Amino acid sequence: MNALLRQVLALALGCALALGVCAEPLQTVLMVSIDALHPAALRPDVAPTLETLQHPGQFTLEGRSVNPPQTLIAHTAMLTGLTPEQSGKQDNNWKPGQAQVTHETLLDVAKRQGFDTAYFYAKPKLGYLVSASISQQALARDDGVEQAQEFLRQLGPRFVFLHLSGLDDVGPDAGWLSPQYLEELRYIDRSLAPLIAQVRGRGTYLMLITSDHAGHDRLHGTNHSEDFKLPVLLEASQALPGWVSDGLSITRIKPVVQDAMNLLGKMP
């Protein structure tokens, strides 16, 4: 009998003797940011996989990005819970070798709570958010879903942040909510289906699917009201309070995920 198996059996026996039952700790947290996703595109005929995450009280199609609603600024707000003014990240640019985030992110929180962490991102500028708390990170333009699946095949508590970027290319080329845009979302939805199923089969879990901004016509990152829109879809293996409501700011995603992780970690 190897050492790992002995440890697992000893832990199970200790729980059984002390409590009669042993609550399973939170095993998986998956966050997915679908760059440039307009919530109006989340229709059953376009995104049936994401439709399954739209539970009452746990989703909104009326979330709101920061000003300006641009990729790096919004993702910094998402992961730090800080406005651009608070974080100091008010531009949409970063290159390797430049200073990276210094504020606490959700990946730092997860690492402190004992999770192995992964950060897969499709745009080089999101390297700004890489920190020492990340166990595995990669610029993954085309294979982020596959890398996330491989990371989750390993044992132990795992936290994954996955950024997908196809819509941010199609939107400016063909228009937000155009037939080409909807077809790209169909592809993303199909790609995510096995990853979401994997998370659901991995024990106690938390999933949050969102975006950084939307767009209008062939434009984004402007002051147009459509550009600020984003969805927030939350699902867990156990019931959670109704923390997601219309008007939810992207800066509220960090505390919502932290609260859900803390609650799920205490549930029997």
C-alpha atoms as a PDB file:
ATOM      1  CA  MET A   1       0.000   0.000   0.000  1.00  0.00           C
ATOM      2  CA  ASN A   2       1.552   3.321  -1.052  1.00  0.00           C
ATOM      3  CA  ALA A   3       1.864   6.329   1.241  1.00  0.00           C
ATOM      4  CA  LEU A   4      -0.868   8.377  -0.468  1.00  0.00           C
ATOM      5  CA  LEU A   5      -3.419   5.572  -0.173  1.00  0.00           C
ATOM      6  CA  ARG A   6      -2.548   5.080   3.495  1.00  0.00           C
ATOM      7  CA  GLN A   7      -3.107   8.809   4.128  1.00  0.00           C
ATOM      8  CA  VAL A   8      -6.481   8.765   2.371  1.00  0.00           C
ATOM      9  CA  LEU A   9      -7.644   5.719   4.328  1.00  0.00           C
ATOM     10  CA  ALA A  10      -6.444   7.185   7.606  1.00  0.00           C
ATOM     11  CA  LEU A  11      -8.296  10.447   6.939  1.00  0.00           C
ATOM     12  CA  ALA A  12     -11.505   8.609   6.054  1.00  0.00           C
ATOM     13  CA  LEU A  13     -11.288   6.463   9.193  1.00  0.00           C
ATOM     14  CA  GLY A  14     -10.604   9.490  11.367  1.00  0.00           C
ATOM     15  CA  CYS A  15     -13.629  11.325   9.999  1.00  0.00           C
ATOM     16  CA  ALA A  16     -15.854   8.295  10.470  1.00  0.00           C
ATOM     17  CA  LEU A  17     -14.775   7.793  14.071  1.00  0.00           C
ATOM     18  CA  ALA A  18     -14.937  11.434  15.066  1.00  0.00           C
ATOM     19  CA  LEU A  19     -18.076  12.566  13.249  1.00  0.00           C
ATOM     20  CA  GLY A  20     -19.883   9.536  11.952  1.00  0.00           C
ATOM     21  CA  VAL A  21     -19.722  11.183   8.534  1.00  0.00           C
ATOM     22  CA  CYS A  22     -17.030  13.117   6.728  1.00  0.00           C
ATOM     23  CA  ALA A  23     -18.013  16.148   4.671  1.00  0.00           C
ATOM     24  CA  GLU A  24     -16.183  16.291   1.343  1.00  0.00           C
ATOM     25  CA  PRO A  25     -14.125  19.465   1.036  1.00  0.00           C
ATOM     26  CA  LEU A  26     -14.615  21.720  -1.950  1.00  0.00           C
ATOM     27  CA  GLN A  27     -12.772  19.949  -4.765  1.00  0.00           C
ATOM     28  CA  THR A  28     -13.163  22.165  -7.809  1.00  0.00           C
ATOM     29  CA  VAL A  29     -13.617  25.827  -8.624  1.00  0.00           C
ATOM     30  CA  LEU A  30     -13.913  26.709 -12.307  1.00  0.00           C
ATOM     31  CA  MET A  31     -14.162  30.287 -13.525  1.00  0.00           C
ATOM     32  CA  VAL A  32     -14.597  30.901 -17.246  1.00  0.00           C
ATOM     33  CA  SER A  33     -14.452  34.340 -18.833  1.00  0.00           C
ATOM     34  CA  ILE A  34     -15.784  34.310 -22.392  1.00  0.00           C
ATOM     35  CA  ASP A  35     -14.285  37.502 -23.761  1.00  0.00           C
ATOM     36  CA  ALA A  36     -16.758  39.863 -25.473  1.00  0.00           C
ATOM     37  CA  LEU A  37     -19.823  37.712 -24.711  1.00  0.00           C
ATOM     38  CA  HIS A  38     -23.041  39.682 -25.134  1.00  0.00           C
ATOM     39  CA  PRO A  39     -25.691  38.277 -22.776  1.00  0.00           C
ATOM     40  CA  ALA A  40     -28.346  38.501 -25.497  1.00  0.00           C
ATOM     41  CA  ALA A  41     -26.496  35.719 -27.326  1.00  0.00           C
ATOM     42  CA  LEU A  42     -27.188  33.230 -24.507  1.00  0.00           C
ATOM     43  CA  ARG A  43     -30.128  31.501 -26.153  1.00  0.00           C
ATOM     44  CA  PRO A  44     -31.016  27.792 -25.929  1.00  0.00           C
ATOM     45  CA  ASP A  45     -30.467  27.285 -29.652  1.00  0.00           C
ATOM     46  CA  VAL A  46     -27.029  28.917 -29.491  1.00  0.00           C
ATOM     47  CA  ALA A  47     -25.603  27.971 -26.092  1.00  0.00           C
ATOM     48  CA  PRO A  48     -27.493  24.960 -24.669  1.00  0.00           C
ATOM     49  CA  THR A  49     -24.611  24.030 -22.351  1.00  0.00           C
ATOM     50  CA  LEU A  50     -24.503  27.482 -20.775  1.00  0.00           C
ATOM     51  CA  GLU A  51     -28.301  27.439 -20.606  1.00  0.00           C
ATOM     52  CA  THR A  52     -28.037  24.645 -18.018  1.00  0.00           C
ATOM     53  CA  LEU A  53     -26.228  27.048 -15.652  1.00  0.00           C
ATOM     54  CA  GLN A  54     -29.035  29.620 -15.645  1.00  0.00           C
ATOM     55  CA  HIS A  55     -30.562  28.743 -12.271  1.00  0.00           C
ATOM     56  CA  PRO A  56     -33.037  31.129 -10.571  1.00  0.00           C
ATOM     57  CA  GLY A  57     -31.237  33.451  -8.182  1.00  0.00           C
ATOM     58  CA  GLN A  58     -27.842  32.382  -9.476  1.00  0.00           C
ATOM     59  CA  PHE A  59     -27.577  34.177 -12.806  1.00  0.00           C
ATOM     60  CA  THR A  60     -28.074  37.528 -14.419  1.00  0.00           C
ATOM     61  CA  LEU A  61     -27.934  38.694 -17.995  1.00  0.00           C
ATOM     62  CA  GLU A  62     -27.691  42.274 -16.720  1.00  0.00           C
ATOM     63  CA  GLY A  63     -24.229  42.351 -15.164  1.00  0.00           C
ATOM     64  CA  ARG A  64     -22.095  45.438 -15.660  1.00  0.00           C
ATOM     65  CA  SER A  65     -18.455  45.937 -16.585  1.00  0.00           C
ATOM     66  CA  VAL A  66     -16.125  48.739 -15.518  1.00  0.00           C
ATOM     67  CA  ASN A  67     -15.433  52.006 -17.291  1.00  0.00           C
ATOM     68  CA  PRO A  68     -13.849  51.731 -19.790  1.00  0.00           C
ATOM     69  CA  PRO A  69     -15.186  48.231 -20.605  1.00  0.00           C
ATOM     70  CA  GLN A  70     -11.950  46.836 -22.017  1.00  0.00           C
ATOM     71  CA  THR A  71     -10.358  43.413 -21.648  1.00  0.00           C
ATOM     72  CA  LEU A  72      -7.407  43.853 -19.299  1.00  0.00           C
ATOM     73  CA  ILE A  73      -9.028  46.592 -17.219  1.00  0.00           C
ATOM     74  CA  ALA A  74     -12.170  44.477 -16.754  1.00  0.00           C
ATOM     75  CA  HIS A  75     -10.323  41.240 -15.939  1.00  0.00           C
ATOM     76  CA  THR A  76      -8.223  43.054 -13.363  1.00  0.00           C
ATOM     77  CA  ALA A  77     -11.425  44.293 -11.761  1.00  0.00           C
ATOM     78  CA  MET A  78     -12.933  40.800 -11.933  1.00  0.00           C
ATOM     79  CA  LEU A  79     -10.031  39.040 -10.222  1.00  0.00           C
ATOM     80  CA  THR A  80      -9.073  41.750  -7.695  1.00  0.00           C
ATOM     81  CA  GLY A  81     -12.551  43.061  -6.870  1.00  0.00           C
ATOM     82  CA  LEU A  82     -11.198  46.595  -7.290  1.00  0.00           C
ATOM     83  CA  THR A  83     -12.274  49.384  -9.596  1.00  0.00           C
ATOM     84  CA  PRO A  84      -9.677  50.672 -12.070  1.00  0.00           C
ATOM     85  CA  GLU A  85      -9.185  53.697  -9.832  1.00  0.00           C
ATOM     86  CA  GLN A  86      -8.532  51.466  -6.810  1.00  0.00           C
ATOM     87  CA  SER A  87      -6.251  48.993  -8.575  1.00  0.00           C
ATOM     88  CA  GLY A  88      -4.412  51.552 -10.661  1.00  0.00           C
ATOM     89  CA  LYS A  89      -4.924  49.448 -13.800  1.00  0.00           C
ATOM     90  CA  GLN A  90      -6.597  51.979 -16.081  1.00  0.00           C
ATOM     91  CA  ASP A  91      -5.012  51.064 -19.402  1.00  0.00           C
ATOM     92  CA  ASN A  92      -5.607  48.043 -21.608  1.00  0.00           C
ATOM     93  CA  ASN A  93      -1.983  47.200 -22.348  1.00  0.00           C
ATOM     94  CA  TRP A  94       0.713  44.926 -20.928  1.00  0.00           C
ATOM     95  CA  LYS A  95       3.798  43.206 -22.349  1.00  0.00           C
ATOM     96  CA  PRO A  96       6.093  40.539 -20.875  1.00  0.00           C
ATOM     97  CA  GLY A  97       8.739  42.128 -18.692  1.00  0.00           C
ATOM     98  CA  GLN A  98       6.462  44.898 -17.474  1.00  0.00           C
ATOM     99  CA  ALA A  99       5.181  45.089 -13.903  1.00  0.00           C
ATOM    100  CA  GLN A 100       2.436  42.634 -12.996  1.00  0.00           C
ATOM    101  CA  VAL A 101      -0.497  42.801 -10.607  1.00  0.00           C
ATOM    102  CA  THR A 102       0.380  43.523  -6.975  1.00  0.00           C
ATOM    103  CA  HIS A 103      -3.125  43.386  -5.488  1.00  0.00           C
ATOM    104  CA  GLU A 104      -4.594  40.132  -4.180  1.00  0.00           C
ATOM    105  CA  THR A 105      -6.493  38.141  -6.803  1.00  0.00           C
ATOM    106  CA  LEU A 106      -8.879  35.209  -6.517  1.00  0.00           C
ATOM    107  CA  LEU A 107      -6.011  32.915  -7.458  1.00  0.00           C
ATOM    108  CA  ASP A 108      -4.088  34.153  -4.415  1.00  0.00           C
ATOM    109  CA  VAL A 109      -7.135  33.439  -2.241  1.00  0.00           C
ATOM    110  CA  ALA A 110      -7.487  29.931  -3.666  1.00  0.00           C
ATOM    111  CA  LYS A 111      -3.808  29.120  -3.171  1.00  0.00           C
ATOM    112  CA  ARG A 112      -3.986  30.263   0.454  1.00  0.00           C
ATOM    113  CA  GLN A 113      -6.961  27.943   0.980  1.00  0.00           C
ATOM    114  CA  GLY A 114      -5.008  24.914  -0.227  1.00  0.00           C
ATOM    115  CA  PHE A 115      -5.989  24.732  -3.907  1.00  0.00           C
ATOM    116  CA  ASP A 116      -3.625  24.012  -6.754  1.00  0.00           C
ATOM    117  CA  THR A 117      -4.309  26.847  -9.167  1.00  0.00           C
ATOM    118  CA  ALA A 118      -4.276  27.198 -12.942  1.00  0.00           C
ATOM    119  CA  TYR A 119      -4.616  30.260 -15.150  1.00  0.00           C
ATOM    120  CA  PHE A 120      -5.123  29.766 -18.900  1.00  0.00           C
ATOM    121  CA  TYR A 121      -5.558  32.908 -20.992  1.00  0.00           C
ATOM    122  CA  ALA A 122      -5.987  33.580 -24.701  1.00  0.00           C
ATOM    123  CA  LYS A 123      -4.506  37.088 -24.912  1.00  0.00           C
ATOM    124  CA  PRO A 124      -0.879  37.930 -24.023  1.00  0.00           C
ATOM    125  CA  LYS A 125      -1.910  41.087 -22.170  1.00  0.00           C
ATOM    126  CA  LEU A 126      -3.639  38.965 -19.510  1.00  0.00           C
ATOM    127  CA  GLY A 127      -0.180  37.865 -18.431  1.00  0.00           C
ATOM    128  CA  TYR A 128      -0.396  40.993 -16.285  1.00  0.00           C
ATOM    129  CA  LEU A 129      -2.496  38.959 -13.823  1.00  0.00           C
ATOM    130  CA  VAL A 130       0.021  36.120 -13.365  1.00  0.00           C
ATOM    131  CA  SER A 131       1.358  35.870  -9.803  1.00  0.00           C
ATOM    132  CA  ALA A 132       3.445  33.501  -7.699  1.00  0.00           C
ATOM    133  CA  SER A 133       0.283  31.866  -6.338  1.00  0.00           C
ATOM    134  CA  ILE A 134      -0.457  30.223  -9.704  1.00  0.00           C
ATOM    135  CA  SER A 135       0.638  26.589  -9.884  1.00  0.00           C
ATOM    136  CA  GLN A 136       0.258  26.330 -13.666  1.00  0.00           C
ATOM    137  CA  GLN A 137      -0.255  29.063 -16.226  1.00  0.00           C
ATOM    138  CA  ALA A 138      -0.154  29.248 -20.001  1.00  0.00           C
ATOM    139  CA  LEU A 139      -0.957  31.540 -22.879  1.00  0.00           C
ATOM    140  CA  ALA A 140      -3.539  29.241 -24.470  1.00  0.00           C
ATOM    141  CA  ARG A 141      -5.035  30.787 -27.562  1.00  0.00           C
ATOM    142  CA  ASP A 142      -6.536  27.597 -28.973  1.00  0.00           C
ATOM    143  CA  ASP A 143      -6.280  24.854 -26.336  1.00  0.00           C
ATOM    144  CA  GLY A 144      -7.312  26.450 -23.047  1.00  0.00           C
ATOM    145  CA  VAL A 145     -10.250  24.086 -22.550  1.00  0.00           C
ATOM    146  CA  GLU A 146      -8.052  21.042 -23.131  1.00  0.00           C
ATOM    147  CA  GLN A 147      -5.388  22.329 -20.739  1.00  0.00           C
ATOM    148  CA  ALA A 148      -8.045  22.948 -18.086  1.00  0.00           C
ATOM    149  CA  GLN A 149      -9.354  19.394 -18.532  1.00  0.00           C
ATOM    150  CA  GLU A 150      -5.884  17.931 -18.127  1.00  0.00           C
ATOM    151  CA  PHE A 151      -5.268  20.006 -14.991  1.00  0.00           C
ATOM    152  CA  LEU A 152      -8.527  18.760 -13.473  1.00  0.00           C
ATOM    153  CA  ARG A 153      -7.683  15.119 -14.130  1.00  0.00           C
ATOM    154  CA  GLN A 154      -5.194  15.302 -11.276  1.00  0.00           C
ATOM    155  CA  LEU A 155      -6.225  14.623  -7.681  1.00  0.00           C
ATOM    156  CA  GLY A 156      -6.782  17.214  -4.997  1.00  0.00           C
ATOM    157  CA  PRO A 157      -8.539  20.584  -4.743  1.00  0.00           C
ATOM    158  CA  ARG A 158      -8.174  22.532  -7.978  1.00  0.00           C
ATOM    159  CA  PHE A 159      -8.986  26.120  -8.939  1.00  0.00           C
ATOM    160  CA  VAL A 160      -9.026  27.012 -12.655  1.00  0.00           C
ATOM    161  CA  PHE A 161      -9.441  30.371 -14.331  1.00  0.00           C
ATOM    162  CA  LEU A 162     -10.011  29.989 -18.077  1.00  0.00           C
ATOM    163  CA  HIS A 163     -10.191  32.861 -20.559  1.00  0.00           C
ATOM    164  CA  LEU A 164     -11.610  32.283 -24.057  1.00  0.00           C
ATOM    165  CA  SER A 165     -11.300  34.874 -26.789  1.00  0.00           C
ATOM    166  CA  GLY A 166     -12.951  33.932 -30.121  1.00  0.00           C
ATOM    167  CA  LEU A 167     -15.902  36.305 -29.838  1.00  0.00           C
ATOM    168  CA  ASP A 168     -13.586  39.288 -29.445  1.00  0.00           C
ATOM    169  CA  ASP A 169     -12.299  38.567 -32.948  1.00  0.00           C
ATOM    170  CA  VAL A 170     -15.643  37.873 -34.626  1.00  0.00           C
ATOM    171  CA  GLY A 171     -17.459  40.832 -33.059  1.00  0.00           C
ATOM    172  CA  PRO A 172     -15.276  43.532 -34.654  1.00  0.00           C
ATOM    173  CA  ASP A 173     -15.164  41.638 -37.955  1.00  0.00           C
ATOM    174  CA  ALA A 174     -18.813  40.649 -38.407  1.00  0.00           C
ATOM    175  CA  GLY A 175     -20.689  42.502 -35.665  1.00  0.00           C
ATOM    176  CA  TRP A 176     -21.945  41.613 -32.215  1.00  0.00           C
ATOM    177  CA  LEU A 177     -24.909  39.203 -32.401  1.00  0.00           C
ATOM    178  CA  SER A 178     -24.319  38.632 -36.136  1.00  0.00           C
ATOM    179  CA  PRO A 179     -24.806  35.101 -37.520  1.00  0.00           C
ATOM    180  CA  GLN A 180     -21.025  34.619 -37.482  1.00  0.00           C
ATOM    181  CA  TYR A 181     -20.835  35.788 -33.874  1.00  0.00           C
ATOM    182  CA  LEU A 182     -23.579  33.358 -32.818  1.00  0.00           C
ATOM    183  CA  GLU A 183     -21.866  30.512 -34.660  1.00  0.00           C
ATOM    184  CA  GLU A 184     -18.629  31.203 -32.790  1.00  0.00           C
ATOM    185  CA  LEU A 185     -20.543  31.050 -29.511  1.00  0.00           C
ATOM    186  CA  ARG A 186     -22.060  27.722 -30.566  1.00  0.00           C
ATOM    187  CA  TYR A 187     -18.528  26.417 -31.026  1.00  0.00           C
ATOM    188  CA  ILE A 188     -17.438  27.737 -27.610  1.00  0.00           C
ATOM    189  CA  ASP A 189     -20.514  26.227 -25.970  1.00  0.00           C
ATOM    190  CA  ARG A 190     -19.811  22.805 -27.496  1.00  0.00           C
ATOM    191  CA  SER A 191     -16.177  23.048 -26.433  1.00  0.00           C
ATOM    192  CA  LEU A 192     -17.119  23.805 -22.837  1.00  0.00           C
ATOM    193  CA  ALA A 193     -19.607  20.928 -22.521  1.00  0.00           C
ATOM    194  CA  PRO A 194     -17.073  18.196 -21.592  1.00  0.00           C
ATOM    195  CA  LEU A 195     -15.214  20.510 -19.196  1.00  0.00           C
ATOM    196  CA  ILE A 196     -18.421  21.429 -17.365  1.00  0.00           C
ATOM    197  CA  ALA A 197     -19.403  17.760 -17.178  1.00  0.00           C
ATOM    198  CA  GLN A 198     -15.967  16.948 -15.789  1.00  0.00           C
ATOM    199  CA  VAL A 199     -16.339  19.546 -13.038  1.00  0.00           C
ATOM    200  CA  ARG A 200     -19.797  18.266 -12.116  1.00  0.00           C
ATOM    201  CA  GLY A 201     -18.390  14.761 -11.773  1.00  0.00           C
ATOM    202  CA  ARG A 202     -15.440  15.768  -9.623  1.00  0.00           C
ATOM    203  CA  GLY A 203     -17.169  16.051  -6.239  1.00  0.00           C
ATOM    204  CA  THR A 204     -18.089  19.277  -4.467  1.00  0.00           C
ATOM    205  CA  TYR A 205     -17.740  22.120  -6.970  1.00  0.00           C
ATOM    206  CA  LEU A 206     -18.331  25.764  -7.808  1.00  0.00           C
ATOM    207  CA  MET A 207     -18.562  27.169 -11.346  1.00  0.00           C
ATOM    208  CA  LEU A 208     -18.891  30.751 -12.496  1.00  0.00           C
ATOM    209  CA  ILE A 209     -19.200  31.740 -16.165  1.00  0.00           C
ATOM    210  CA  THR A 210     -19.016  35.404 -17.098  1.00  0.00           C
ATOM    211  CA  SER A 211     -17.427  37.900 -19.491  1.00  0.00           C
ATOM    212  CA  ASP A 212     -15.460  41.130 -19.407  1.00  0.00           C
ATOM    213  CA  HIS A 213     -17.598  43.275 -21.734  1.00  0.00           C
ATOM    214  CA  ALA A 214     -19.959  43.112 -24.702  1.00  0.00           C
ATOM    215  CA  GLY A 215     -20.183  45.327 -27.771  1.00  0.00           C
ATOM    216  CA  HIS A 216     -22.469  46.884 -30.350  1.00  0.00           C
ATOM    217  CA  ASP A 217     -22.394  46.880 -34.144  1.00  0.00           C
ATOM    218  CA  ARG A 218     -18.679  46.239 -34.758  1.00  0.00           C
ATOM    219  CA  LEU A 219     -17.457  48.310 -31.848  1.00  0.00           C
ATOM    220  CA  HIS A 220     -16.608  47.739 -28.199  1.00  0.00           C
ATOM    221  CA  GLY A 221     -14.771  49.460 -25.376  1.00  0.00           C
ATOM    222  CA  THR A 222     -16.813  52.659 -25.833  1.00  0.00           C
ATOM    223  CA  ASN A 223     -19.327  54.454 -23.635  1.00  0.00           C
ATOM    224  CA  HIS A 224     -22.240  52.820 -25.460  1.00  0.00           C
ATOM    225  CA  SER A 225     -24.547  51.085 -22.972  1.00  0.00           C
ATOM    226  CA  GLU A 226     -24.315  47.730 -24.809  1.00  0.00           C
ATOM    227  CA  ASP A 227     -20.553  47.594 -24.295  1.00  0.00           C
ATOM    228  CA  PHE A 228     -20.922  47.401 -20.496  1.00  0.00           C
ATOM    229  CA  LYS A 229     -23.234  44.359 -20.489  1.00  0.00           C
ATOM    230  CA  LEU A 230     -22.130  40.929 -19.288  1.00  0.00           C
ATOM    231  CA  PRO A 231     -23.720  37.736 -17.940  1.00  0.00           C
ATOM    232  CA  VAL A 232     -22.908  36.056 -14.629  1.00  0.00           C
ATOM    233  CA  LEU A 233     -23.850  32.369 -14.280  1.00  0.00           C
ATOM    234  CA  LEU A 234     -23.170  30.615 -10.968  1.00  0.00           C
ATOM    235  CA  GLU A 235     -23.610  26.911 -10.210  1.00  0.00           C
ATOM    236  CA  ALA A 236     -22.530  24.798  -7.250  1.00  0.00           C
ATOM    237  CA  SER A 237     -22.967  21.226  -6.107  1.00  0.00           C
ATOM    238  CA  GLN A 238     -25.055  22.508  -3.173  1.00  0.00           C
ATOM    239  CA  ALA A 239     -27.616  25.286  -2.912  1.00  0.00           C
ATOM    240  CA  LEU A 240     -26.220  28.785  -2.411  1.00  0.00           C
ATOM    241  CA  PRO A 241     -27.835  32.063  -1.350  1.00  0.00           C
ATOM    242  CA  GLY A 242     -29.067  34.322  -4.144  1.00  0.00           C
ATOM    243  CA  TRP A 243     -25.941  36.421  -4.490  1.00  0.00           C
ATOM    244  CA  VAL A 244     -26.318  37.098  -8.237  1.00  0.00           C
ATOM    245  CA  SER A 245     -28.772  39.811  -9.252  1.00  0.00           C
ATOM    246  CA  ASP A 246     -29.343  42.255 -12.094  1.00  0.00           C
ATOM    247  CA  GLY A 247     -26.890  45.125 -12.087  1.00  0.00           C
ATOM    248  CA  LEU A 248     -24.145  43.029 -10.477  1.00  0.00           C
ATOM    249  CA  SER A 249     -20.829  44.789 -11.028  1.00  0.00           C
ATOM    250  CA  ILE A 250     -17.833  42.867 -12.299  1.00  0.00           C
ATOM    251  CA  THR A 251     -16.008  44.020  -9.158  1.00  0.00           C
ATOM    252  CA  ARG A 252     -18.481  41.951  -7.093  1.00  0.00           C
ATOM    253  CA  ILE A 253     -17.445  38.670  -8.708  1.00  0.00           C
ATOM    254  CA  LYS A 254     -14.431  38.230  -6.419  1.00  0.00           C
ATOM    255  CA  PRO A 255     -16.402  38.543  -3.145  1.00  0.00           C
ATOM    256  CA  VAL A 256     -19.210  36.344  -4.518  1.00  0.00           C
ATOM    257  CA  VAL A 257     -16.738  33.569  -5.380  1.00  0.00           C
ATOM    258  CA  GLN A 258     -14.938  33.953  -2.041  1.00  0.00           C
ATOM    259  CA  ASP A 259     -18.205  33.752  -0.097  1.00  0.00           C
ATOM    260  CA  ALA A 260     -19.326  30.715  -2.075  1.00  0.00           C
ATOM    261  CA  MET A 261     -15.985  28.957  -1.534  1.00  0.00           C
ATOM    262  CA  ASN A 262     -16.161  29.636   2.198  1.00  0.00           C
ATOM    263  CA  LEU A 263     -19.748  28.419   2.454  1.00  0.00           C
ATOM    264  CA  LEU A 264     -19.199  25.264   0.403  1.00  0.00           C
ATOM    265  CA  GLY A 265     -16.117  24.490   2.455  1.00  0.00           C
ATOM    266  CA  LYS A 266     -18.252  24.411   5.623  1.00  0.00           C
ATOM    267  CA  MET A 267     -21.257  22.478   4.297  1.00  0.00           C
ATOM    268  CA  PRO A 268     -21.725  18.914   5.589  1.00  0.00           C
END
